Amino acid sequence: MVRFLSLIIGLLLLGYIFLASFYFTDKPSDKECDEILIVVKDSLNKHFVNEQDVLTVLKKVDLDPLNKPMNQINTESIEKELMNNQMIANVEAYKTPSGKIKLEIEQKIPVLRVIGAGGSYYVDNRGSTMPVSARYVAHVPVASGNVEKELAVTDLYKFALFLQKNDFWNHQIGQIYVDSRNEVELIPMVGNHRIVLGTLDAFEEKLENLQLFYEQVIPKMGWERYKIINLKYKDQIVCTKK
């Protein structure tokens, strides 16, 4: 008998909870979007995209969700449209139970600035290109000379990514020059010399040898002794004195 009464009471409670949630909670279809919450991640360090940029894009294509019924708002369409912006790496758009649309936006992270015959642009940390911004200049190595886009998003991208992740070289290499044979020269931030890297094949090994040279030879000879440090020959460093 006690078990039977407990079962009945439990069923009644479940029924009450279900009915209460049905009657006292507004259905999404009955709501209108009363606010757009836009979060641009890492916006203190990068200023490629702001809230107004996002709103302008959505209004232009009639995807502004404000004051529209929640069941008529297509968050996938919003994400797809914003992803057309070459400054944006990722977008997540979703509805909140309180009748708001929240947009979480991740900006692209540039690792290389290219100034070449094909124009001026950035290469980001995912290997895609992004336009130069009139609002913000990223402090990344600059590649100039004979820089074709295919080279920029492949070998130069890998090289720039390596520089960004390596604290020593990230603070040492400022400019990259590519000649007509796709051979590379580097202009360091410290010292008044040029570094002839040659092709980008085995660049990690070449820079490792150069770092040893910096650590073991430069303290004795000084930064101003050499005008060219050539790394293009395997396991050799050939220096030209001033």
Protein backbone atom coordinates (compact mmCIF):
# COMPACT_ATOMS: atom_id res chain seq x y z
CA MET A 1 0.00 0.00 0.00
CA VAL A 2 2.80 2.40 0.96
CA ARG A 3 4.63 1.62 -2.29
CA PHE A 4 1.44 2.22 -4.26
CA LEU A 5 0.86 5.63 -2.62
CA SER A 6 4.51 6.60 -3.19
CA LEU A 7 4.17 5.69 -6.84
CA ILE A 8 0.97 7.77 -7.21
CA ILE A 9 2.56 10.78 -5.48
CA GLY A 10 5.65 10.49 -7.69
CA LEU A 11 3.54 10.41 -10.84
CA LEU A 12 1.52 13.42 -9.71
CA LEU A 13 4.71 15.39 -9.02
CA LEU A 14 6.13 14.55 -12.44
CA GLY A 15 2.84 15.58 -14.04
CA TYR A 16 2.84 18.88 -12.16
CA ILE A 17 6.45 19.66 -13.17
CA PHE A 18 5.65 18.92 -16.80
CA LEU A 19 2.51 21.07 -16.83
CA ALA A 20 4.22 23.91 -14.96
CA SER A 21 7.12 23.98 -17.42
CA PHE A 22 4.64 23.95 -20.32
CA TYR A 23 2.33 26.70 -19.07
CA PHE A 24 4.68 29.00 -17.19
CA THR A 25 7.63 29.02 -19.60
CA ASP A 26 7.34 31.04 -22.79
CA LYS A 27 7.77 29.06 -25.94
CA PRO A 28 10.63 30.17 -28.18
CA SER A 29 8.17 30.74 -31.02
CA ASP A 30 6.27 33.26 -28.90
CA LYS A 31 9.37 35.35 -28.20
CA GLU A 32 11.07 38.05 -30.17
CA CYS A 33 14.79 38.63 -30.03
CA ASP A 34 15.26 41.57 -27.66
CA GLU A 35 19.06 41.76 -27.67
CA ILE A 36 22.15 40.72 -29.64
CA LEU A 37 25.15 39.78 -27.53
CA ILE A 38 28.37 39.99 -29.55
CA VAL A 39 31.62 38.71 -28.06
CA VAL A 40 34.74 39.31 -30.17
CA LYS A 41 37.43 37.15 -28.59
CA ASP A 42 40.88 38.64 -27.98
CA SER A 43 39.60 42.07 -29.01
CA LEU A 44 42.01 43.81 -26.62
CA ASN A 45 45.02 42.53 -28.59
CA LYS A 46 43.61 42.51 -32.11
CA HIS A 47 41.26 45.05 -33.65
CA PHE A 48 40.36 43.54 -37.03
CA VAL A 49 36.65 43.12 -36.19
CA ASN A 50 34.34 44.96 -33.80
CA GLU A 51 30.65 44.79 -32.88
CA GLN A 52 29.64 47.48 -35.35
CA ASP A 53 31.29 45.58 -38.21
CA VAL A 54 29.21 42.52 -37.35
CA LEU A 55 25.94 44.44 -37.11
CA THR A 56 26.61 46.23 -40.40
CA VAL A 57 27.10 42.92 -42.22
CA LEU A 58 23.93 41.39 -40.78
CA LYS A 59 21.79 44.44 -41.55
CA LYS A 60 23.06 44.61 -45.12
CA VAL A 61 21.84 41.06 -45.88
CA ASP A 62 18.68 41.28 -43.73
CA LEU A 63 19.96 38.85 -41.10
CA ASP A 64 19.77 41.27 -38.18
CA PRO A 65 17.85 39.21 -35.60
CA LEU A 66 16.72 42.08 -33.39
CA ASN A 67 12.91 42.19 -32.88
CA LYS A 68 12.38 39.11 -35.05
CA PRO A 69 10.54 36.01 -33.73
CA MET A 70 13.08 33.54 -32.38
CA ASN A 71 11.66 30.69 -34.46
CA GLN A 72 12.33 32.70 -37.64
CA ILE A 73 15.99 33.38 -36.86
CA ASN A 74 18.40 31.07 -38.66
CA THR A 75 21.65 31.00 -36.71
CA GLU A 76 23.34 28.85 -39.35
CA SER A 77 22.72 31.54 -41.97
CA ILE A 78 24.18 34.15 -39.62
CA GLU A 79 27.31 32.04 -39.10
CA LYS A 80 27.71 31.38 -42.81
CA GLU A 81 27.40 35.07 -43.72
CA LEU A 82 29.87 36.25 -41.08
CA MET A 83 32.38 33.59 -42.13
CA ASN A 84 32.60 35.37 -45.49
CA ASN A 85 34.49 38.10 -43.65
CA GLN A 86 38.19 37.41 -44.28
CA MET A 87 39.09 38.80 -40.86
CA ILE A 88 37.04 36.15 -39.03
CA ALA A 89 38.33 32.67 -38.21
CA ASN A 90 35.23 31.20 -36.56
CA VAL A 91 31.67 32.13 -35.55
CA GLU A 92 29.24 30.48 -33.15
CA ALA A 93 25.68 31.84 -33.11
CA TYR A 94 23.02 30.50 -30.78
CA LYS A 95 19.73 31.38 -29.09
CA THR A 96 19.33 31.84 -25.36
CA PRO A 97 16.18 30.84 -23.44
CA SER A 98 15.66 34.49 -22.47
CA GLY A 99 15.17 35.63 -26.07
CA LYS A 100 18.66 36.78 -27.00
CA ILE A 101 21.01 35.90 -29.85
CA LYS A 102 24.62 35.43 -28.81
CA LEU A 103 27.49 35.60 -31.30
CA GLU A 104 30.95 34.43 -30.31
CA ILE A 105 33.51 35.56 -32.89
CA GLU A 106 37.14 34.49 -33.19
CA GLN A 107 39.42 36.77 -35.17
CA LYS A 108 42.17 35.49 -37.44
CA ILE A 109 45.73 35.61 -36.10
CA PRO A 110 48.25 36.92 -38.64
CA VAL A 111 51.75 35.42 -38.66
CA LEU A 112 53.16 37.09 -41.79
CA ARG A 113 52.71 40.33 -43.75
CA VAL A 114 53.27 40.00 -47.50
CA ILE A 115 54.18 42.95 -49.71
CA GLY A 116 54.69 41.75 -53.26
CA ALA A 117 53.62 41.99 -56.87
CA GLY A 118 50.32 40.37 -55.95
CA GLY A 119 49.50 43.09 -53.45
CA SER A 120 49.70 43.51 -49.70
CA TYR A 121 48.02 41.06 -47.33
CA TYR A 122 48.48 38.91 -44.23
CA VAL A 123 48.84 35.16 -43.93
CA ASP A 124 47.15 33.84 -40.79
CA ASN A 125 48.08 30.97 -38.47
CA ARG A 126 45.83 28.57 -40.41
CA GLY A 127 47.52 29.25 -43.74
CA SER A 128 44.82 31.42 -45.30
CA THR A 129 45.11 35.02 -46.44
CA MET A 130 43.44 38.04 -44.90
CA PRO A 131 43.38 41.68 -46.07
CA VAL A 132 45.36 44.49 -44.52
CA SER A 133 43.29 46.53 -42.07
CA ALA A 134 43.19 50.32 -42.04
CA ARG A 135 42.31 50.09 -38.34
CA TYR A 136 45.07 47.85 -37.01
CA VAL A 137 48.64 46.88 -37.94
CA ALA A 138 49.90 43.50 -36.72
CA HIS A 139 53.54 43.32 -35.66
CA VAL A 140 54.67 40.28 -37.64
CA PRO A 141 57.59 39.58 -40.03
CA VAL A 142 57.28 41.24 -43.45
CA ALA A 143 57.96 39.21 -46.61
CA SER A 144 58.77 41.17 -49.77
CA GLY A 145 60.30 40.65 -53.20
CA ASN A 146 59.20 37.84 -55.51
CA VAL A 147 56.46 36.51 -53.23
CA GLU A 148 53.85 34.52 -55.10
CA LYS A 149 50.68 33.65 -53.21
CA GLU A 150 51.34 29.90 -53.50
CA LEU A 151 54.70 30.34 -51.78
CA ALA A 152 53.18 32.67 -49.18
CA VAL A 153 50.54 30.16 -48.00
CA THR A 154 52.85 27.11 -48.07
CA ASP A 155 56.58 27.36 -47.34
CA LEU A 156 56.59 30.95 -46.10
CA TYR A 157 53.56 30.22 -43.93
CA LYS A 158 55.35 27.27 -42.29
CA PHE A 159 58.45 29.39 -41.78
CA ALA A 160 56.46 32.28 -40.24
CA LEU A 161 54.58 29.87 -37.98
CA PHE A 162 57.90 28.50 -36.76
CA LEU A 163 59.13 32.03 -36.02
CA GLN A 164 55.97 32.87 -34.08
CA LYS A 165 56.29 29.79 -31.88
CA ASN A 166 60.01 30.23 -31.23
CA ASP A 167 60.63 33.02 -28.74
CA PHE A 168 64.23 33.65 -29.82
CA TRP A 169 63.58 33.89 -33.57
CA ASN A 170 60.29 35.70 -33.10
CA HIS A 171 62.25 38.60 -31.61
CA GLN A 172 65.16 38.33 -34.03
CA ILE A 173 63.75 38.15 -37.59
CA GLY A 174 62.01 41.28 -38.87
CA GLN A 175 62.08 41.03 -42.66
CA ILE A 176 62.13 38.26 -45.25
CA TYR A 177 63.21 38.88 -48.83
CA VAL A 178 62.48 36.36 -51.62
CA ASP A 179 64.49 36.60 -54.85
CA SER A 180 63.53 35.39 -58.35
CA ARG A 181 64.83 31.86 -57.58
CA ASN A 182 62.68 31.63 -54.44
CA GLU A 183 65.78 31.86 -52.28
CA VAL A 184 65.42 33.73 -49.02
CA GLU A 185 67.37 36.42 -47.23
CA LEU A 186 66.57 37.48 -43.68
CA ILE A 187 67.05 40.89 -42.10
CA PRO A 188 67.48 40.57 -38.33
CA MET A 189 66.34 43.11 -35.77
CA VAL A 190 69.69 42.95 -33.97
CA GLY A 191 72.92 43.49 -35.88
CA ASN A 192 73.69 45.13 -39.20
CA HIS A 193 74.05 42.02 -41.35
CA ARG A 194 72.06 39.95 -43.83
CA ILE A 195 71.32 36.25 -43.41
CA VAL A 196 71.32 34.22 -46.63
CA LEU A 197 69.07 31.27 -45.92
CA GLY A 198 68.87 29.94 -49.47
CA THR A 199 65.78 27.81 -50.03
CA LEU A 200 63.43 27.13 -47.15
CA ASP A 201 64.37 23.44 -47.14
CA ALA A 202 65.65 22.35 -43.71
CA PHE A 203 65.25 25.90 -42.39
CA GLU A 204 64.97 24.69 -38.79
CA GLU A 205 68.40 23.05 -38.97
CA LYS A 206 69.90 26.16 -40.61
CA LEU A 207 68.54 28.43 -37.89
CA GLU A 208 69.70 26.04 -35.19
CA ASN A 209 73.25 26.31 -36.58
CA LEU A 210 72.92 30.10 -36.74
CA GLN A 211 71.78 30.28 -33.13
CA LEU A 212 74.89 28.34 -32.07
CA PHE A 213 76.97 30.79 -34.11
CA TYR A 214 75.31 33.70 -32.34
CA GLU A 215 75.93 32.15 -28.94
CA GLN A 216 79.53 31.03 -29.47
CA VAL A 217 81.10 33.38 -32.04
CA ILE A 218 79.30 36.73 -31.89
CA PRO A 219 80.18 37.38 -28.20
CA LYS A 220 83.87 37.16 -29.19
CA MET A 221 83.76 38.88 -32.60
CA GLY A 222 80.88 41.36 -32.12
CA TRP A 223 77.71 42.06 -34.14
CA GLU A 224 79.36 44.58 -36.45
CA ARG A 225 82.13 42.35 -37.85
CA TYR A 226 80.09 40.61 -40.57
CA LYS A 227 77.88 41.94 -43.34
CA ILE A 228 76.65 38.57 -44.68
CA ILE A 229 76.09 35.25 -42.89
CA ASN A 230 75.41 32.53 -45.45
CA LEU A 231 73.55 29.38 -44.37
CA LYS A 232 72.60 27.98 -47.79
CA TYR A 233 75.30 25.28 -47.83
CA LYS A 234 74.61 22.15 -45.79
CA ASP A 235 76.25 22.14 -42.35
CA GLN A 236 78.27 25.26 -43.17
CA ILE A 237 78.20 28.89 -42.18
CA VAL A 238 80.09 31.16 -44.58
CA CYS A 239 80.61 34.71 -43.35
CA THR A 240 81.61 37.81 -45.32
CA LYS A 241 83.42 40.46 -43.32
CA LYS A 242 82.73 44.15 -43.71
